[in-house]
Amino acid sequence: MQLQADFGRLLAIALIVSASGCRETQRCGANTPLRRDGMCVTPDLDAGPLDGGSDAGPPDAGPCGGPCEGALGLCDPGTNTCVECLANSDCPDARPVCGEGGACTGCSGDDDCAGRAEALECDAMGGACTRCTVDNEPALCGGNSCDPVAGTCTMTPRGSVTRCSACLADSECASTDRCVTLEVPEGLGATPGIAYCQPAASAMTTCPSEWQPYSRLSTERMTRSGQTASLCTIAETVTTCAAVLGFNGNCSEAMPSAMPCAQGGVCGTVRTTSNKCTYPCELGGDCPRYMDGAMSFTATCARESDTSTRYLCK
């Protein structure tokens, strides 16, 4: 009798399921199996065989308990922690050595930079692998200069940049000059951050008159190659190197756009000749010695006109 009752209940359940549709399809959707523990098998679940065995459950989180992201983007399976690096190749040129605890640190010798495509030399002072430095410039760059800021060799031969021309390293200037960033005069539209070759003053207390227009003594200036030097510079607060180099060039006061002076220059009168490029000055020493034909002259700093408050080299 009991057996007949149990059979009857099972038959009733089967009829109910048959009438309402497959439990698996209704609950989980078509083509999505139902596990024995009542959970739907989805791509996010590692169900394994559909037997509800020990392999059922969430995906393996890995030795670090999940993905490693951001600055600590690598998993160290030896310590089960997220770290910055596992090998030197994981580190940037600025901190090229994978050190203790999986942290990138600075180099201490050239061997630490081995295997890097461009940055083969160790700048022990800063701890970075660079393409070149001031010290290894001759070995790495041949006869050209090393840009110490970018750490790359340039196409500029050492000692080839003339005074008041733009430079990237002290070695590009003459041996008596240094490469230094000059101030940008207001209102002239000059580009800031550009360095130019200027004469070194060594132990001088004044700039020699024969160095005009490099007459402004400037001490404790940091050169682009990282050296501290005393220099004799142009009047960098009122003029530019372009204007100094363009002094006594031809211009047109009537049509300035057709024949302009260099940046920072002014079309005016030099000595007695009009339509000549000059530039603002404050002192006589700000003005250059120059050649006009076979004659040598020293320009003076004078009012632009009797009614003007501006001074120009004439």
Protein backbone atom coordinates (compact mmCIF):
# COMPACT_ATOMS: atom_id res chain seq x y z
CA MET A 1 0.00 0.00 0.00
CA GLN A 2 2.79 2.45 0.90
CA LEU A 3 4.53 1.71 -2.40
CA GLN A 4 1.39 2.53 -4.30
CA ALA A 5 1.02 5.85 -2.40
CA ASP A 6 4.61 6.90 -3.15
CA PHE A 7 4.15 6.02 -6.79
CA GLY A 8 1.03 8.11 -6.89
CA ARG A 9 2.77 11.18 -5.48
CA LEU A 10 5.63 10.89 -7.98
CA LEU A 11 3.16 10.57 -10.81
CA ALA A 12 1.34 13.72 -9.64
CA ILE A 13 4.60 15.70 -9.51
CA ALA A 14 5.53 14.54 -12.99
CA LEU A 15 2.18 15.67 -14.30
CA ILE A 16 2.60 19.11 -12.71
CA VAL A 17 6.08 19.57 -14.18
CA SER A 18 4.84 18.39 -17.54
CA ALA A 19 1.98 20.87 -17.44
CA SER A 20 4.09 23.89 -16.38
CA GLY A 21 7.10 23.30 -18.66
CA CYS A 22 10.65 22.20 -17.96
CA ARG A 23 11.89 23.60 -14.65
CA GLU A 24 15.36 24.09 -16.11
CA THR A 25 14.15 26.07 -19.13
CA GLN A 26 11.62 28.10 -17.18
CA ARG A 27 14.03 29.20 -14.47
CA CYS A 28 17.32 29.55 -16.37
CA GLY A 29 16.20 30.14 -19.92
CA ALA A 30 16.68 28.07 -23.04
CA ASN A 31 20.04 26.33 -23.52
CA THR A 32 21.08 27.14 -19.93
CA PRO A 33 21.45 24.05 -17.76
CA LEU A 34 20.35 23.88 -14.13
CA ARG A 35 22.74 22.45 -11.57
CA ARG A 36 21.63 20.07 -8.85
CA ASP A 37 22.10 22.75 -6.24
CA GLY A 38 19.46 24.85 -7.98
CA MET A 39 21.84 27.38 -9.64
CA CYS A 40 21.89 28.16 -13.33
CA VAL A 41 25.12 27.43 -15.18
CA THR A 42 26.37 30.68 -16.78
CA PRO A 43 29.73 31.73 -18.32
CA ASP A 44 30.56 33.36 -14.96
CA LEU A 45 30.31 30.06 -13.07
CA ASP A 46 32.87 27.27 -13.23
CA ALA A 47 30.33 24.48 -13.05
CA GLY A 48 32.46 21.77 -14.60
CA PRO A 49 30.51 18.60 -15.40
CA LEU A 50 26.80 18.97 -14.63
CA ASP A 51 27.03 16.66 -11.66
CA GLY A 52 27.14 19.24 -8.86
CA GLY A 53 30.53 17.87 -7.86
CA SER A 54 33.42 19.57 -6.09
CA ASP A 55 34.44 21.55 -9.17
CA ALA A 56 31.26 23.62 -9.12
CA GLY A 57 31.58 27.25 -7.91
CA PRO A 58 33.03 30.69 -8.83
CA PRO A 59 36.15 30.99 -11.05
CA ASP A 60 39.61 30.59 -9.53
CA ALA A 61 40.75 34.00 -8.21
CA GLY A 62 44.41 33.12 -8.70
CA PRO A 63 47.32 33.33 -6.23
CA CYS A 64 46.81 37.07 -5.59
CA GLY A 65 43.12 36.74 -4.81
CA GLY A 66 42.01 38.63 -7.89
CA PRO A 67 43.36 40.75 -10.74
CA CYS A 68 46.34 43.06 -10.10
CA GLU A 69 45.70 46.58 -11.41
CA GLY A 70 47.23 50.06 -11.58
CA ALA A 71 50.80 50.63 -10.45
CA LEU A 72 50.89 47.16 -8.87
CA GLY A 73 49.72 45.39 -11.99
CA LEU A 74 51.65 42.12 -11.75
CA CYS A 75 51.02 39.10 -9.51
CA ASP A 76 54.00 37.54 -7.76
CA PRO A 77 53.05 33.87 -7.27
CA GLY A 78 55.90 33.42 -4.85
CA THR A 79 54.46 35.86 -2.32
CA ASN A 80 50.83 35.91 -3.52
CA THR A 81 50.95 39.72 -3.70
CA CYS A 82 50.47 42.32 -6.42
CA VAL A 83 53.75 44.05 -7.28
CA GLU A 84 55.14 46.64 -9.68
CA CYS A 85 57.63 44.31 -11.36
CA LEU A 86 58.84 40.75 -11.64
CA ALA A 87 61.92 41.52 -13.78
CA ASN A 88 63.96 44.55 -14.87
CA SER A 89 62.12 44.58 -18.19
CA ASP A 90 58.93 45.50 -16.31
CA CYS A 91 60.49 48.77 -15.08
CA PRO A 92 60.77 52.15 -16.86
CA ASP A 93 64.09 53.74 -17.86
CA ALA A 94 63.79 56.21 -14.99
CA ARG A 95 63.75 53.34 -12.41
CA PRO A 96 65.16 50.39 -14.33
CA VAL A 97 65.90 47.82 -11.63
CA CYS A 98 63.30 45.43 -10.21
CA GLY A 99 64.30 45.36 -6.57
CA GLU A 100 63.16 43.94 -3.27
CA GLY A 101 59.44 43.46 -2.90
CA GLY A 102 58.84 43.83 -6.63
CA ALA A 103 59.45 47.61 -6.64
CA CYS A 104 61.31 49.44 -9.44
CA THR A 105 64.41 51.34 -8.23
CA GLY A 106 67.30 53.32 -9.74
CA CYS A 107 70.35 51.85 -11.44
CA SER A 108 73.83 51.83 -9.95
CA GLY A 109 75.85 50.72 -12.98
CA ASP A 110 75.65 50.15 -16.72
CA ASP A 111 74.87 46.45 -16.22
CA ASP A 112 71.50 47.47 -14.79
CA CYS A 113 70.62 48.99 -18.18
CA ALA A 114 71.55 45.94 -20.25
CA GLY A 115 68.92 44.89 -22.75
CA ARG A 116 67.26 48.29 -23.14
CA ALA A 117 66.84 49.42 -26.72
CA GLU A 118 67.97 53.04 -26.31
CA ALA A 119 68.85 53.78 -22.69
CA LEU A 120 72.06 51.78 -22.34
CA GLU A 121 73.98 53.94 -19.88
CA CYS A 122 73.34 54.41 -16.16
CA ASP A 123 73.27 57.94 -14.83
CA ALA A 124 74.24 56.99 -11.30
CA MET A 125 73.47 60.47 -9.97
CA GLY A 126 69.80 60.22 -10.94
CA GLY A 127 69.50 56.44 -11.06
CA ALA A 128 68.06 56.43 -14.59
CA CYS A 129 69.12 54.59 -17.72
CA THR A 130 69.76 57.18 -20.41
CA ARG A 131 70.98 57.26 -23.96
CA CYS A 132 73.73 59.67 -23.03
CA THR A 133 74.99 61.95 -20.26
CA VAL A 134 77.39 64.89 -20.07
CA ASP A 135 80.16 62.52 -18.99
CA ASN A 136 79.67 59.79 -21.59
CA GLU A 137 78.85 62.18 -24.42
CA PRO A 138 82.09 61.59 -26.40
CA ALA A 139 81.75 57.81 -26.19
CA LEU A 140 78.08 57.63 -27.13
CA CYS A 141 77.54 60.61 -29.41
CA GLY A 142 80.80 60.75 -31.35
CA GLY A 143 81.44 64.32 -32.44
CA ASN A 144 77.89 65.47 -31.69
CA SER A 145 76.45 66.80 -28.47
CA CYS A 146 74.28 65.03 -25.92
CA ASP A 147 71.06 66.72 -24.90
CA PRO A 148 71.38 66.22 -21.12
CA VAL A 149 67.70 66.93 -20.51
CA ALA A 150 66.35 64.38 -23.01
CA GLY A 151 69.28 61.97 -22.60
CA THR A 152 69.66 61.62 -26.36
CA CYS A 153 72.42 62.41 -28.84
CA THR A 154 71.74 65.37 -31.13
CA MET A 155 72.76 66.05 -34.71
CA THR A 156 74.69 69.18 -33.62
CA PRO A 157 78.51 68.97 -33.67
CA ARG A 158 80.14 69.99 -30.40
CA GLY A 159 81.52 73.53 -30.42
CA SER A 160 79.59 74.54 -33.53
CA VAL A 161 76.93 76.89 -32.10
CA THR A 162 77.83 80.58 -32.26
CA ARG A 163 77.25 83.07 -29.46
CA CYS A 164 73.60 84.00 -28.89
CA SER A 165 72.36 81.11 -31.04
CA ALA A 166 70.01 78.48 -29.58
CA CYS A 167 71.64 75.46 -27.95
CA LEU A 168 70.81 72.26 -26.06
CA ALA A 169 74.09 71.63 -24.21
CA ASP A 170 77.16 73.51 -23.01
CA SER A 171 79.32 71.43 -25.33
CA GLU A 172 77.57 72.85 -28.39
CA CYS A 173 78.92 76.34 -27.57
CA ALA A 174 82.48 77.56 -27.90
CA SER A 175 84.75 76.46 -25.07
CA THR A 176 84.47 79.93 -23.49
CA ASP A 177 80.64 79.93 -23.58
CA ARG A 178 77.84 78.13 -21.77
CA CYS A 179 74.31 77.16 -22.79
CA VAL A 180 71.79 78.94 -20.54
CA THR A 181 68.07 79.69 -20.67
CA LEU A 182 67.42 83.42 -20.97
CA GLU A 183 64.48 85.38 -19.63
CA VAL A 184 61.70 86.31 -22.02
CA PRO A 185 61.00 90.06 -22.30
CA GLU A 186 57.32 90.90 -21.90
CA GLY A 187 55.39 91.90 -25.00
CA LEU A 188 57.88 90.61 -27.56
CA GLY A 189 56.23 87.23 -28.15
CA ALA A 190 59.49 85.38 -27.61
CA THR A 191 59.29 81.66 -26.84
CA PRO A 192 60.13 80.89 -23.18
CA GLY A 193 62.48 78.12 -22.10
CA ILE A 194 64.98 78.47 -24.95
CA ALA A 195 68.69 78.33 -24.10
CA TYR A 196 71.42 80.30 -25.89
CA CYS A 197 75.21 80.32 -25.86
CA GLN A 198 76.49 83.13 -23.64
CA PRO A 199 80.09 83.91 -22.58
CA ALA A 200 81.26 82.55 -19.24
CA ALA A 201 82.54 85.19 -16.81
CA SER A 202 84.68 82.83 -14.69
CA ALA A 203 86.00 84.85 -11.73
CA MET A 204 85.20 88.23 -13.26
CA THR A 205 83.49 90.97 -11.27
CA THR A 206 82.53 92.93 -14.39
CA CYS A 207 82.05 92.03 -18.03
CA PRO A 208 84.77 93.34 -20.38
CA SER A 209 83.68 96.22 -22.60
CA GLU A 210 84.96 94.40 -25.66
CA TRP A 211 82.29 91.75 -25.04
CA GLN A 212 79.43 94.15 -25.80
CA PRO A 213 76.51 93.52 -25.98
CA TYR A 214 77.23 90.70 -23.47
CA SER A 215 77.67 93.15 -20.64
CA ARG A 216 75.27 91.99 -17.92
CA LEU A 217 77.08 90.00 -15.23
CA SER A 218 74.87 87.16 -14.04
CA THR A 219 76.12 84.88 -11.26
CA GLU A 220 75.01 81.45 -10.09
CA ARG A 221 73.23 80.61 -13.33
CA MET A 222 72.38 76.96 -13.97
CA THR A 223 73.42 75.89 -17.46
CA ARG A 224 71.51 73.35 -19.50
CA SER A 225 74.24 70.81 -18.78
CA GLY A 226 73.66 71.16 -15.06
CA GLN A 227 76.65 73.35 -14.21
CA THR A 228 76.56 76.51 -12.10
CA ALA A 229 78.33 79.38 -13.82
CA SER A 230 78.79 83.14 -13.85
CA LEU A 231 77.97 84.60 -17.24
CA CYS A 232 78.00 87.81 -19.20
CA THR A 233 74.63 87.98 -20.94
CA ILE A 234 72.67 90.30 -23.19
CA ALA A 235 70.11 92.61 -21.57
CA GLU A 236 67.70 89.67 -21.46
CA THR A 237 64.87 91.61 -19.79
CA VAL A 238 64.51 94.08 -22.69
CA THR A 239 65.75 92.30 -25.83
CA THR A 240 66.34 88.95 -27.46
CA CYS A 241 69.25 87.12 -29.03
CA ALA A 242 67.44 87.24 -32.37
CA ALA A 243 67.31 91.04 -32.20
CA VAL A 244 70.97 91.28 -31.19
CA LEU A 245 72.10 89.08 -34.07
CA GLY A 246 69.91 91.03 -36.49
CA PHE A 247 71.30 94.42 -35.52
CA ASN A 248 72.04 96.75 -38.47
CA GLY A 249 70.14 94.54 -40.89
CA ASN A 250 67.87 96.12 -43.47
CA CYS A 251 64.19 96.73 -42.78
CA SER A 252 61.36 98.97 -43.99
CA GLU A 253 59.67 101.45 -41.68
CA ALA A 254 57.10 102.15 -44.39
CA MET A 255 56.30 98.45 -44.99
CA PRO A 256 57.36 96.60 -41.82
CA SER A 257 55.49 93.43 -42.74
CA ALA A 258 57.30 93.23 -46.07
CA MET A 259 60.78 93.61 -44.58
CA PRO A 260 60.60 93.03 -40.80
CA CYS A 261 63.31 92.84 -38.19
CA ALA A 262 63.92 89.70 -36.14
CA GLN A 263 61.78 89.01 -33.09
CA GLY A 264 62.38 91.75 -30.54
CA GLY A 265 63.98 94.05 -33.10
CA VAL A 266 62.85 97.56 -34.07
CA CYS A 267 63.13 99.18 -37.48
CA GLY A 268 64.76 102.57 -36.96
CA THR A 269 67.98 104.48 -37.49
CA VAL A 270 71.49 103.23 -36.82
CA ARG A 271 74.00 106.06 -36.75
CA THR A 272 72.67 108.17 -39.62
CA THR A 273 71.10 105.42 -41.74
CA SER A 274 67.36 104.82 -41.57
CA ASN A 275 65.53 101.55 -42.23
CA LYS A 276 67.97 99.61 -40.10
CA CYS A 277 67.18 96.97 -37.47
CA THR A 278 68.02 97.88 -33.90
CA TYR A 279 66.66 96.89 -30.47
CA PRO A 280 65.77 98.35 -27.04
CA CYS A 281 68.53 98.99 -24.51
CA GLU A 282 69.02 100.39 -21.02
CA LEU A 283 72.78 100.91 -20.86
CA GLY A 284 75.52 101.63 -23.35
CA GLY A 285 76.97 98.18 -22.79
CA ASP A 286 73.74 96.61 -24.03
CA CYS A 287 74.60 97.72 -27.57
CA PRO A 288 76.97 95.83 -29.87
CA ARG A 289 80.24 96.44 -31.56
CA TYR A 290 79.64 95.83 -35.23
CA MET A 291 81.11 96.05 -38.68
CA ASP A 292 79.63 98.26 -41.40
CA GLY A 293 81.53 97.51 -44.55
CA ALA A 294 85.19 97.70 -43.64
CA MET A 295 84.55 100.00 -40.69
CA SER A 296 84.13 98.95 -37.06
CA PHE A 297 81.65 100.80 -34.85
CA THR A 298 80.29 100.63 -31.32
CA ALA A 299 76.59 101.40 -31.05
CA THR A 300 75.32 103.68 -28.29
CA CYS A 301 72.11 103.55 -26.27
CA ALA A 302 70.08 106.69 -27.05
CA ARG A 303 66.49 107.92 -27.14
CA GLU A 304 64.55 106.76 -30.16
CA SER A 305 63.60 110.42 -30.74
CA ASP A 306 63.58 113.69 -28.84
CA THR A 307 60.01 113.03 -27.66
CA SER A 308 60.36 109.27 -27.05
CA THR A 309 60.94 107.57 -23.73
CA ARG A 310 62.25 104.43 -25.42
CA TYR A 311 65.97 103.88 -25.77
CA LEU A 312 67.43 102.06 -28.75
CA CYS A 313 70.90 101.03 -29.83
CA LYS A 314 72.11 103.46 -32.49
